[in-house]
Amino acid sequence: VLAEGLRAISAGQAEIDLSRLATVDSAAV
């Protein structure tokens, strides 16, 4: 997930919608 997000940020994405997240732990932070 980190790598996917970093690719999106590198491509210029300025917003990440977190609404689909249902299960998280400290790694999410």
mmCIF file of all heavy atoms, coordinates in Angstrom:
data_MODEL
# 
_entry.id   MODEL 
# 
loop_
_atom_site.group_PDB 
_atom_site.id 
_atom_site.type_symbol 
_atom_site.label_atom_id 
_atom_site.label_alt_id 
_atom_site.label_comp_id 
_atom_site.label_asym_id 
_atom_site.label_entity_id 
_atom_site.label_seq_id 
_atom_site.pdbx_PDB_ins_code 
_atom_site.Cartn_x 
_atom_site.Cartn_y 
_atom_site.Cartn_z 
_atom_site.occupancy 
_atom_site.B_iso_or_equiv 
_atom_site.pdbx_formal_charge 
_atom_site.auth_seq_id 
_atom_site.auth_comp_id 
_atom_site.auth_asym_id 
_atom_site.auth_atom_id 
_atom_site.pdbx_PDB_model_num 
ATOM 1   N N   . VAL A 1 1  ? 0.836   -1.204 0.000   1.00 0.00 ? 1  VAL A N   1 
ATOM 2   C CA  . VAL A 1 1  ? 0.000   0.000  0.000   1.00 0.00 ? 1  VAL A CA  1 
ATOM 3   C C   . VAL A 1 1  ? 0.871   1.255  0.000   1.00 0.00 ? 1  VAL A C   1 
ATOM 4   O O   . VAL A 1 1  ? 0.577   2.224  -0.704  1.00 0.00 ? 1  VAL A O   1 
ATOM 5   C CB  . VAL A 1 1  ? -0.969  -0.018 1.201   1.00 0.00 ? 1  VAL A CB  1 
ATOM 6   C CG1 . VAL A 1 1  ? -1.767  1.267  1.280   1.00 0.00 ? 1  VAL A CG1 1 
ATOM 7   C CG2 . VAL A 1 1  ? -1.910  -1.218 1.121   1.00 0.00 ? 1  VAL A CG2 1 
ATOM 8   N N   . LEU A 1 2  ? 1.955   1.232  0.749   1.00 0.00 ? 2  LEU A N   1 
ATOM 9   C CA  . LEU A 1 2  ? 2.891   2.350  0.759   1.00 0.00 ? 2  LEU A CA  1 
ATOM 10  C C   . LEU A 1 2  ? 3.412   2.622  -0.645  1.00 0.00 ? 2  LEU A C   1 
ATOM 11  O O   . LEU A 1 2  ? 3.380   3.759  -1.124  1.00 0.00 ? 2  LEU A O   1 
ATOM 12  C CB  . LEU A 1 2  ? 4.057   2.070  1.709   1.00 0.00 ? 2  LEU A CB  1 
ATOM 13  C CG  . LEU A 1 2  ? 5.208   3.071  1.672   1.00 0.00 ? 2  LEU A CG  1 
ATOM 14  C CD1 . LEU A 1 2  ? 4.766   4.447  2.125   1.00 0.00 ? 2  LEU A CD1 1 
ATOM 15  C CD2 . LEU A 1 2  ? 6.369   2.566  2.507   1.00 0.00 ? 2  LEU A CD2 1 
ATOM 16  N N   . ALA A 1 3  ? 3.871   1.570  -1.306  1.00 0.00 ? 3  ALA A N   1 
ATOM 17  C CA  . ALA A 1 3  ? 4.426   1.721  -2.662  1.00 0.00 ? 3  ALA A CA  1 
ATOM 18  C C   . ALA A 1 3  ? 3.375   2.245  -3.640  1.00 0.00 ? 3  ALA A C   1 
ATOM 19  O O   . ALA A 1 3  ? 3.673   3.124  -4.469  1.00 0.00 ? 3  ALA A O   1 
ATOM 20  C CB  . ALA A 1 3  ? 4.990   0.389  -3.145  1.00 0.00 ? 3  ALA A CB  1 
ATOM 21  N N   . GLU A 1 4  ? 2.171   1.732  -3.565  1.00 0.00 ? 4  GLU A N   1 
ATOM 22  C CA  . GLU A 1 4  ? 1.103   2.199  -4.463  1.00 0.00 ? 4  GLU A CA  1 
ATOM 23  C C   . GLU A 1 4  ? 0.808   3.676  -4.240  1.00 0.00 ? 4  GLU A C   1 
ATOM 24  O O   . GLU A 1 4  ? 0.650   4.445  -5.188  1.00 0.00 ? 4  GLU A O   1 
ATOM 25  C CB  . GLU A 1 4  ? -0.166  1.366  -4.251  1.00 0.00 ? 4  GLU A CB  1 
ATOM 26  C CG  . GLU A 1 4  ? -0.032  -0.061 -4.725  1.00 0.00 ? 4  GLU A CG  1 
ATOM 27  C CD  . GLU A 1 4  ? -1.197  -0.947 -4.300  1.00 0.00 ? 4  GLU A CD  1 
ATOM 28  O OE1 . GLU A 1 4  ? -1.978  -0.551 -3.391  1.00 0.00 ? 4  GLU A OE1 1 
ATOM 29  O OE2 . GLU A 1 4  ? -1.325  -2.039 -4.871  1.00 0.00 ? 4  GLU A OE2 1 
ATOM 30  N N   . GLY A 1 5  ? 0.733   4.084  -2.989  1.00 0.00 ? 5  GLY A N   1 
ATOM 31  C CA  . GLY A 1 5  ? 0.486   5.486  -2.677  1.00 0.00 ? 5  GLY A CA  1 
ATOM 32  C C   . GLY A 1 5  ? 1.619   6.385  -3.134  1.00 0.00 ? 5  GLY A C   1 
ATOM 33  O O   . GLY A 1 5  ? 1.397   7.474  -3.664  1.00 0.00 ? 5  GLY A O   1 
ATOM 34  N N   . LEU A 1 6  ? 2.858   5.931  -2.939  1.00 0.00 ? 6  LEU A N   1 
ATOM 35  C CA  . LEU A 1 6  ? 4.011   6.724  -3.373  1.00 0.00 ? 6  LEU A CA  1 
ATOM 36  C C   . LEU A 1 6  ? 4.022   6.904  -4.889  1.00 0.00 ? 6  LEU A C   1 
ATOM 37  O O   . LEU A 1 6  ? 4.362   7.985  -5.383  1.00 0.00 ? 6  LEU A O   1 
ATOM 38  C CB  . LEU A 1 6  ? 5.313   6.078  -2.894  1.00 0.00 ? 6  LEU A CB  1 
ATOM 39  C CG  . LEU A 1 6  ? 5.555   6.129  -1.390  1.00 0.00 ? 6  LEU A CG  1 
ATOM 40  C CD1 . LEU A 1 6  ? 6.813   5.334  -1.034  1.00 0.00 ? 6  LEU A CD1 1 
ATOM 41  C CD2 . LEU A 1 6  ? 5.646   7.556  -0.886  1.00 0.00 ? 6  LEU A CD2 1 
ATOM 42  N N   . ARG A 1 7  ? 3.628   5.869  -5.606  1.00 0.00 ? 7  ARG A N   1 
ATOM 43  C CA  . ARG A 1 7  ? 3.532   5.994  -7.076  1.00 0.00 ? 7  ARG A CA  1 
ATOM 44  C C   . ARG A 1 7  ? 2.485   7.038  -7.455  1.00 0.00 ? 7  ARG A C   1 
ATOM 45  O O   . ARG A 1 7  ? 2.692   7.855  -8.349  1.00 0.00 ? 7  ARG A O   1 
ATOM 46  C CB  . ARG A 1 7  ? 3.206   4.654  -7.723  1.00 0.00 ? 7  ARG A CB  1 
ATOM 47  C CG  . ARG A 1 7  ? 4.414   3.780  -7.953  1.00 0.00 ? 7  ARG A CG  1 
ATOM 48  C CD  . ARG A 1 7  ? 4.119   2.591  -8.856  1.00 0.00 ? 7  ARG A CD  1 
ATOM 49  N NE  . ARG A 1 7  ? 3.154   1.663  -8.286  1.00 0.00 ? 7  ARG A NE  1 
ATOM 50  C CZ  . ARG A 1 7  ? 3.451   0.702  -7.417  1.00 0.00 ? 7  ARG A CZ  1 
ATOM 51  N NH1 . ARG A 1 7  ? 4.703   0.544  -7.019  1.00 0.00 ? 7  ARG A NH1 1 
ATOM 52  N NH2 . ARG A 1 7  ? 2.515   -0.101 -6.968  1.00 0.00 ? 7  ARG A NH2 1 
ATOM 53  N N   . ALA A 1 8  ? 1.350   7.011  -6.777  1.00 0.00 ? 8  ALA A N   1 
ATOM 54  C CA  . ALA A 1 8  ? 0.286   7.979  -7.060  1.00 0.00 ? 8  ALA A CA  1 
ATOM 55  C C   . ALA A 1 8  ? 0.749   9.402  -6.749  1.00 0.00 ? 8  ALA A C   1 
ATOM 56  O O   . ALA A 1 8  ? 0.499   10.331 -7.533  1.00 0.00 ? 8  ALA A O   1 
ATOM 57  C CB  . ALA A 1 8  ? -0.959  7.635  -6.243  1.00 0.00 ? 8  ALA A CB  1 
ATOM 58  N N   . ILE A 1 9  ? 1.434   9.575  -5.650  1.00 0.00 ? 9  ILE A N   1 
ATOM 59  C CA  . ILE A 1 9  ? 1.943   10.899 -5.273  1.00 0.00 ? 9  ILE A CA  1 
ATOM 60  C C   . ILE A 1 9  ? 2.964   11.373 -6.294  1.00 0.00 ? 9  ILE A C   1 
ATOM 61  O O   . ILE A 1 9  ? 2.945   12.527 -6.728  1.00 0.00 ? 9  ILE A O   1 
ATOM 62  C CB  . ILE A 1 9  ? 2.522   10.860 -3.845  1.00 0.00 ? 9  ILE A CB  1 
ATOM 63  C CG1 . ILE A 1 9  ? 1.392   10.635 -2.838  1.00 0.00 ? 9  ILE A CG1 1 
ATOM 64  C CG2 . ILE A 1 9  ? 3.307   12.135 -3.533  1.00 0.00 ? 9  ILE A CG2 1 
ATOM 65  C CD1 . ILE A 1 9  ? 1.856   10.182 -1.470  1.00 0.00 ? 9  ILE A CD1 1 
ATOM 66  N N   . SER A 1 10 ? 3.847   10.483 -6.711  1.00 0.00 ? 10 SER A N   1 
ATOM 67  C CA  . SER A 1 10 ? 4.851   10.835 -7.731  1.00 0.00 ? 10 SER A CA  1 
ATOM 68  C C   . SER A 1 10 ? 4.200   11.220 -9.049  1.00 0.00 ? 10 SER A C   1 
ATOM 69  O O   . SER A 1 10 ? 4.745   12.038 -9.796  1.00 0.00 ? 10 SER A O   1 
ATOM 70  C CB  . SER A 1 10 ? 5.803   9.661  -7.972  1.00 0.00 ? 10 SER A CB  1 
ATOM 71  O OG  . SER A 1 10 ? 6.608   9.469  -6.842  1.00 0.00 ? 10 SER A OG  1 
ATOM 72  N N   . ALA A 1 11 ? 3.040   10.648 -9.321  1.00 0.00 ? 11 ALA A N   1 
ATOM 73  C CA  . ALA A 1 11 ? 2.313   10.961 -10.560 1.00 0.00 ? 11 ALA A CA  1 
ATOM 74  C C   . ALA A 1 11 ? 1.496   12.250 -10.428 1.00 0.00 ? 11 ALA A C   1 
ATOM 75  O O   . ALA A 1 11 ? 0.835   12.665 -11.374 1.00 0.00 ? 11 ALA A O   1 
ATOM 76  C CB  . ALA A 1 11 ? 1.403   9.800  -10.939 1.00 0.00 ? 11 ALA A CB  1 
ATOM 77  N N   . GLY A 1 12 ? 1.519   12.863 -9.245  1.00 0.00 ? 12 GLY A N   1 
ATOM 78  C CA  . GLY A 1 12 ? 0.840   14.135 -9.066  1.00 0.00 ? 12 GLY A CA  1 
ATOM 79  C C   . GLY A 1 12 ? -0.487  14.087 -8.339  1.00 0.00 ? 12 GLY A C   1 
ATOM 80  O O   . GLY A 1 12 ? -1.168  15.105 -8.225  1.00 0.00 ? 12 GLY A O   1 
ATOM 81  N N   . GLN A 1 13 ? -0.882  12.924 -7.843  1.00 0.00 ? 13 GLN A N   1 
ATOM 82  C CA  . GLN A 1 13 ? -2.142  12.848 -7.112  1.00 0.00 ? 13 GLN A CA  1 
ATOM 83  C C   . GLN A 1 13 ? -2.030  13.659 -5.830  1.00 0.00 ? 13 GLN A C   1 
ATOM 84  O O   . GLN A 1 13 ? -1.077  13.509 -5.067  1.00 0.00 ? 13 GLN A O   1 
ATOM 85  C CB  . GLN A 1 13 ? -2.480  11.382 -6.796  1.00 0.00 ? 13 GLN A CB  1 
ATOM 86  C CG  . GLN A 1 13 ? -3.840  11.213 -6.165  1.00 0.00 ? 13 GLN A CG  1 
ATOM 87  C CD  . GLN A 1 13 ? -4.272  9.760  -6.103  1.00 0.00 ? 13 GLN A CD  1 
ATOM 88  O OE1 . GLN A 1 13 ? -3.987  8.983  -7.002  1.00 0.00 ? 13 GLN A OE1 1 
ATOM 89  N NE2 . GLN A 1 13 ? -4.947  9.393  -5.038  1.00 0.00 ? 13 GLN A NE2 1 
ATOM 90  N N   . ALA A 1 14 ? -2.993  14.522 -5.581  1.00 0.00 ? 14 ALA A N   1 
ATOM 91  C CA  . ALA A 1 14 ? -2.947  15.435 -4.435  1.00 0.00 ? 14 ALA A CA  1 
ATOM 92  C C   . ALA A 1 14 ? -3.953  15.071 -3.348  1.00 0.00 ? 14 ALA A C   1 
ATOM 93  O O   . ALA A 1 14 ? -4.031  15.755 -2.332  1.00 0.00 ? 14 ALA A O   1 
ATOM 94  C CB  . ALA A 1 14 ? -3.191  16.864 -4.903  1.00 0.00 ? 14 ALA A CB  1 
ATOM 95  N N   . GLU A 1 15 ? -4.723  14.010 -3.555  1.00 0.00 ? 15 GLU A N   1 
ATOM 96  C CA  . GLU A 1 15 ? -5.711  13.590 -2.563  1.00 0.00 ? 15 GLU A CA  1 
ATOM 97  C C   . GLU A 1 15 ? -5.815  12.071 -2.580  1.00 0.00 ? 15 GLU A C   1 
ATOM 98  O O   . GLU A 1 15 ? -5.853  11.456 -3.644  1.00 0.00 ? 15 GLU A O   1 
ATOM 99  C CB  . GLU A 1 15 ? -7.080  14.182 -2.879  1.00 0.00 ? 15 GLU A CB  1 
ATOM 100 C CG  . GLU A 1 15 ? -8.158  13.743 -1.938  1.00 0.00 ? 15 GLU A CG  1 
ATOM 101 C CD  . GLU A 1 15 ? -9.533  14.294 -2.297  1.00 0.00 ? 15 GLU A CD  1 
ATOM 102 O OE1 . GLU A 1 15 ? -9.609  15.313 -2.998  1.00 0.00 ? 15 GLU A OE1 1 
ATOM 103 O OE2 . GLU A 1 15 ? -10.526 13.686 -1.876  1.00 0.00 ? 15 GLU A OE2 1 
ATOM 104 N N   . ILE A 1 16 ? -5.840  11.485 -1.398  1.00 0.00 ? 16 ILE A N   1 
ATOM 105 C CA  . ILE A 1 16 ? -6.066  10.047 -1.271  1.00 0.00 ? 16 ILE A CA  1 
ATOM 106 C C   . ILE A 1 16 ? -7.285  9.865  -0.376  1.00 0.00 ? 16 ILE A C   1 
ATOM 107 O O   . ILE A 1 16 ? -7.298  10.311 0.774   1.00 0.00 ? 16 ILE A O   1 
ATOM 108 C CB  . ILE A 1 16 ? -4.836  9.312  -0.708  1.00 0.00 ? 16 ILE A CB  1 
ATOM 109 C CG1 . ILE A 1 16 ? -3.663  9.450  -1.681  1.00 0.00 ? 16 ILE A CG1 1 
ATOM 110 C CG2 . ILE A 1 16 ? -5.161  7.842  -0.450  1.00 0.00 ? 16 ILE A CG2 1 
ATOM 111 C CD1 . ILE A 1 16 ? -2.373  8.803  -1.219  1.00 0.00 ? 16 ILE A CD1 1 
ATOM 112 N N   . ASP A 1 17 ? -8.304  9.224  -0.911  1.00 0.00 ? 17 ASP A N   1 
ATOM 113 C CA  . ASP A 1 17 ? -9.551  8.974  -0.203  1.00 0.00 ? 17 ASP A CA  1 
ATOM 114 C C   . ASP A 1 17 ? -9.404  7.685  0.609   1.00 0.00 ? 17 ASP A C   1 
ATOM 115 O O   . ASP A 1 17 ? -9.143  6.619  0.060   1.00 0.00 ? 17 ASP A O   1 
ATOM 116 C CB  . ASP A 1 17 ? -10.686 8.847  -1.219  1.00 0.00 ? 17 ASP A CB  1 
ATOM 117 C CG  . ASP A 1 17 ? -12.043 8.627  -0.581  1.00 0.00 ? 17 ASP A CG  1 
ATOM 118 O OD1 . ASP A 1 17 ? -12.136 8.501  0.656   1.00 0.00 ? 17 ASP A OD1 1 
ATOM 119 O OD2 . ASP A 1 17 ? -13.030 8.576  -1.340  1.00 0.00 ? 17 ASP A OD2 1 
ATOM 120 N N   . LEU A 1 18 ? -9.574  7.791  1.905   1.00 0.00 ? 18 LEU A N   1 
ATOM 121 C CA  . LEU A 1 18 ? -9.385  6.662  2.815   1.00 0.00 ? 18 LEU A CA  1 
ATOM 122 C C   . LEU A 1 18 ? -10.695 5.980  3.202   1.00 0.00 ? 18 LEU A C   1 
ATOM 123 O O   . LEU A 1 18 ? -10.710 5.111  4.064   1.00 0.00 ? 18 LEU A O   1 
ATOM 124 C CB  . LEU A 1 18 ? -8.668  7.158  4.079   1.00 0.00 ? 18 LEU A CB  1 
ATOM 125 C CG  . LEU A 1 18 ? -7.352  7.901  3.850   1.00 0.00 ? 18 LEU A CG  1 
ATOM 126 C CD1 . LEU A 1 18 ? -6.856  8.519  5.156   1.00 0.00 ? 18 LEU A CD1 1 
ATOM 127 C CD2 . LEU A 1 18 ? -6.315  6.978  3.245   1.00 0.00 ? 18 LEU A CD2 1 
ATOM 128 N N   . SER A 1 19 ? -11.776 6.346  2.568   1.00 0.00 ? 19 SER A N   1 
ATOM 129 C CA  . SER A 1 19 ? -13.101 5.891  3.000   1.00 0.00 ? 19 SER A CA  1 
ATOM 130 C C   . SER A 1 19 ? -13.313 4.389  2.905   1.00 0.00 ? 19 SER A C   1 
ATOM 131 O O   . SER A 1 19 ? -14.158 3.846  3.619   1.00 0.00 ? 19 SER A O   1 
ATOM 132 C CB  . SER A 1 19 ? -14.194 6.611  2.210   1.00 0.00 ? 19 SER A CB  1 
ATOM 133 O OG  . SER A 1 19 ? -14.109 6.306  0.836   1.00 0.00 ? 19 SER A OG  1 
ATOM 134 N N   . ARG A 1 20 ? -12.590 3.697  2.059   1.00 0.00 ? 20 ARG A N   1 
ATOM 135 C CA  . ARG A 1 20 ? -12.783 2.248  1.927   1.00 0.00 ? 20 ARG A CA  1 
ATOM 136 C C   . ARG A 1 20 ? -12.081 1.453  3.023   1.00 0.00 ? 20 ARG A C   1 
ATOM 137 O O   . ARG A 1 20 ? -12.337 0.256  3.183   1.00 0.00 ? 20 ARG A O   1 
ATOM 138 C CB  . ARG A 1 20 ? -12.301 1.780  0.556   1.00 0.00 ? 20 ARG A CB  1 
ATOM 139 C CG  . ARG A 1 20 ? -13.193 2.277  -0.557  1.00 0.00 ? 20 ARG A CG  1 
ATOM 140 C CD  . ARG A 1 20 ? -12.732 1.938  -1.947  1.00 0.00 ? 20 ARG A CD  1 
ATOM 141 N NE  . ARG A 1 20 ? -12.042 0.680  -2.076  1.00 0.00 ? 20 ARG A NE  1 
ATOM 142 C CZ  . ARG A 1 20 ? -11.291 0.347  -3.120  1.00 0.00 ? 20 ARG A CZ  1 
ATOM 143 N NH1 . ARG A 1 20 ? -11.148 1.185  -4.118  1.00 0.00 ? 20 ARG A NH1 1 
ATOM 144 N NH2 . ARG A 1 20 ? -10.690 -0.817 -3.176  1.00 0.00 ? 20 ARG A NH2 1 
ATOM 145 N N   . LEU A 1 21 ? -11.190 2.095  3.770   1.00 0.00 ? 21 LEU A N   1 
ATOM 146 C CA  . LEU A 1 21 ? -10.454 1.370  4.810   1.00 0.00 ? 21 LEU A CA  1 
ATOM 147 C C   . LEU A 1 21 ? -11.395 0.929  5.924   1.00 0.00 ? 21 LEU A C   1 
ATOM 148 O O   . LEU A 1 21 ? -12.088 1.739  6.520   1.00 0.00 ? 21 LEU A O   1 
ATOM 149 C CB  . LEU A 1 21 ? -9.346  2.244  5.392   1.00 0.00 ? 21 LEU A CB  1 
ATOM 150 C CG  . LEU A 1 21 ? -8.149  2.490  4.491   1.00 0.00 ? 21 LEU A CG  1 
ATOM 151 C CD1 . LEU A 1 21 ? -7.197  3.482  5.143   1.00 0.00 ? 21 LEU A CD1 1 
ATOM 152 C CD2 . LEU A 1 21 ? -7.433  1.183  4.192   1.00 0.00 ? 21 LEU A CD2 1 
ATOM 153 N N   . ALA A 1 22 ? -11.380 -0.353 6.208   1.00 0.00 ? 22 ALA A N   1 
ATOM 154 C CA  . ALA A 1 22 ? -12.201 -0.908 7.276   1.00 0.00 ? 22 ALA A CA  1 
ATOM 155 C C   . ALA A 1 22 ? -11.341 -1.488 8.397   1.00 0.00 ? 22 ALA A C   1 
ATOM 156 O O   . ALA A 1 22 ? -11.743 -1.484 9.552   1.00 0.00 ? 22 ALA A O   1 
ATOM 157 C CB  . ALA A 1 22 ? -13.123 -1.994 6.730   1.00 0.00 ? 22 ALA A CB  1 
ATOM 158 N N   . THR A 1 23 ? -10.156 -1.980 8.050   1.00 0.00 ? 23 THR A N   1 
ATOM 159 C CA  . THR A 1 23 ? -9.267  -2.589 9.031   1.00 0.00 ? 23 THR A CA  1 
ATOM 160 C C   . THR A 1 23 ? -7.916  -1.894 8.958   1.00 0.00 ? 23 THR A C   1 
ATOM 161 O O   . THR A 1 23 ? -7.285  -1.874 7.898   1.00 0.00 ? 23 THR A O   1 
ATOM 162 C CB  . THR A 1 23 ? -9.091  -4.098 8.738   1.00 0.00 ? 23 THR A CB  1 
ATOM 163 O OG1 . THR A 1 23 ? -10.376 -4.716 8.692   1.00 0.00 ? 23 THR A OG1 1 
ATOM 164 C CG2 . THR A 1 23 ? -8.243  -4.768 9.793   1.00 0.00 ? 23 THR A CG2 1 
ATOM 165 N N   . VAL A 1 24 ? -7.504  -1.315 10.084  1.00 0.00 ? 24 VAL A N   1 
ATOM 166 C CA  . VAL A 1 24 ? -6.220  -0.611 10.140  1.00 0.00 ? 24 VAL A CA  1 
ATOM 167 C C   . VAL A 1 24 ? -5.506  -0.969 11.437  1.00 0.00 ? 24 VAL A C   1 
ATOM 168 O O   . VAL A 1 24 ? -6.128  -1.413 12.401  1.00 0.00 ? 24 VAL A O   1 
ATOM 169 C CB  . VAL A 1 24 ? -6.399  0.919  10.056  1.00 0.00 ? 24 VAL A CB  1 
ATOM 170 C CG1 . VAL A 1 24 ? -6.982  1.339  8.724   1.00 0.00 ? 24 VAL A CG1 1 
ATOM 171 C CG2 . VAL A 1 24 ? -7.249  1.446  11.189  1.00 0.00 ? 24 VAL A CG2 1 
ATOM 172 N N   . ASP A 1 25 ? -4.191  -0.772 11.426  1.00 0.00 ? 25 ASP A N   1 
ATOM 173 C CA  . ASP A 1 25 ? -3.401  -0.874 12.651  1.00 0.00 ? 25 ASP A CA  1 
ATOM 174 C C   . ASP A 1 25 ? -2.339  0.217  12.596  1.00 0.00 ? 25 ASP A C   1 
ATOM 175 O O   . ASP A 1 25 ? -2.397  1.106  11.737  1.00 0.00 ? 25 ASP A O   1 
ATOM 176 C CB  . ASP A 1 25 ? -2.829  -2.285 12.856  1.00 0.00 ? 25 ASP A CB  1 
ATOM 177 C CG  . ASP A 1 25 ? -1.806  -2.716 11.813  1.00 0.00 ? 25 ASP A CG  1 
ATOM 178 O OD1 . ASP A 1 25 ? -1.298  -1.855 11.053  1.00 0.00 ? 25 ASP A OD1 1 
ATOM 179 O OD2 . ASP A 1 25 ? -1.487  -3.910 11.755  1.00 0.00 ? 25 ASP A OD2 1 
ATOM 180 N N   . SER A 1 26 ? -1.371  0.161  13.476  1.00 0.00 ? 26 SER A N   1 
ATOM 181 C CA  . SER A 1 26 ? -0.374  1.225  13.543  1.00 0.00 ? 26 SER A CA  1 
ATOM 182 C C   . SER A 1 26 ? 0.419   1.375  12.249  1.00 0.00 ? 26 SER A C   1 
ATOM 183 O O   . SER A 1 26 ? 0.930   2.456  11.952  1.00 0.00 ? 26 SER A O   1 
ATOM 184 C CB  . SER A 1 26 ? 0.570   1.004  14.723  1.00 0.00 ? 26 SER A CB  1 
ATOM 185 O OG  . SER A 1 26 ? 1.227   -0.234 14.599  1.00 0.00 ? 26 SER A OG  1 
ATOM 186 N N   . ALA A 1 27 ? 0.503   0.331  11.451  1.00 0.00 ? 27 ALA A N   1 
ATOM 187 C CA  . ALA A 1 27 ? 1.194   0.431  10.160  1.00 0.00 ? 27 ALA A CA  1 
ATOM 188 C C   . ALA A 1 27 ? 0.481   1.416  9.238   1.00 0.00 ? 27 ALA A C   1 
ATOM 189 O O   . ALA A 1 27 ? 1.123   2.051  8.392   1.00 0.00 ? 27 ALA A O   1 
ATOM 190 C CB  . ALA A 1 27 ? 1.289   -0.945 9.499   1.00 0.00 ? 27 ALA A CB  1 
ATOM 191 N N   . ALA A 1 28 ? -0.813  1.574  9.397   1.00 0.00 ? 28 ALA A N   1 
ATOM 192 C CA  . ALA A 1 28 ? -1.556  2.545  8.591   1.00 0.00 ? 28 ALA A CA  1 
ATOM 193 C C   . ALA A 1 28 ? -1.087  3.958  8.906   1.00 0.00 ? 28 ALA A C   1 
ATOM 194 O O   . ALA A 1 28 ? -0.896  4.776  8.003   1.00 0.00 ? 28 ALA A O   1 
ATOM 195 C CB  . ALA A 1 28 ? -3.056  2.411  8.841   1.00 0.00 ? 28 ALA A CB  1 
ATOM 196 N N   . VAL A 1 29 ? -0.895  4.249  10.173  1.00 0.00 ? 29 VAL A N   1 
ATOM 197 C CA  . VAL A 1 29 ? -0.426  5.577  10.568  1.00 0.00 ? 29 VAL A CA  1 
ATOM 198 C C   . VAL A 1 29 ? 0.956   5.831  9.979   1.00 0.00 ? 29 VAL A C   1 
ATOM 199 O O   . VAL A 1 29 ? 1.225   6.906  9.430   1.00 0.00 ? 29 VAL A O   1 
ATOM 200 C CB  . VAL A 1 29 ? -0.423  5.723  12.109  1.00 0.00 ? 29 VAL A CB  1 
ATOM 201 C CG1 . VAL A 1 29 ? 0.162   7.057  12.521  1.00 0.00 ? 29 VAL A CG1 1 
ATOM 202 C CG2 . VAL A 1 29 ? -1.824  5.541  12.667  1.00 0.00 ? 29 VAL A CG2 1 
# 
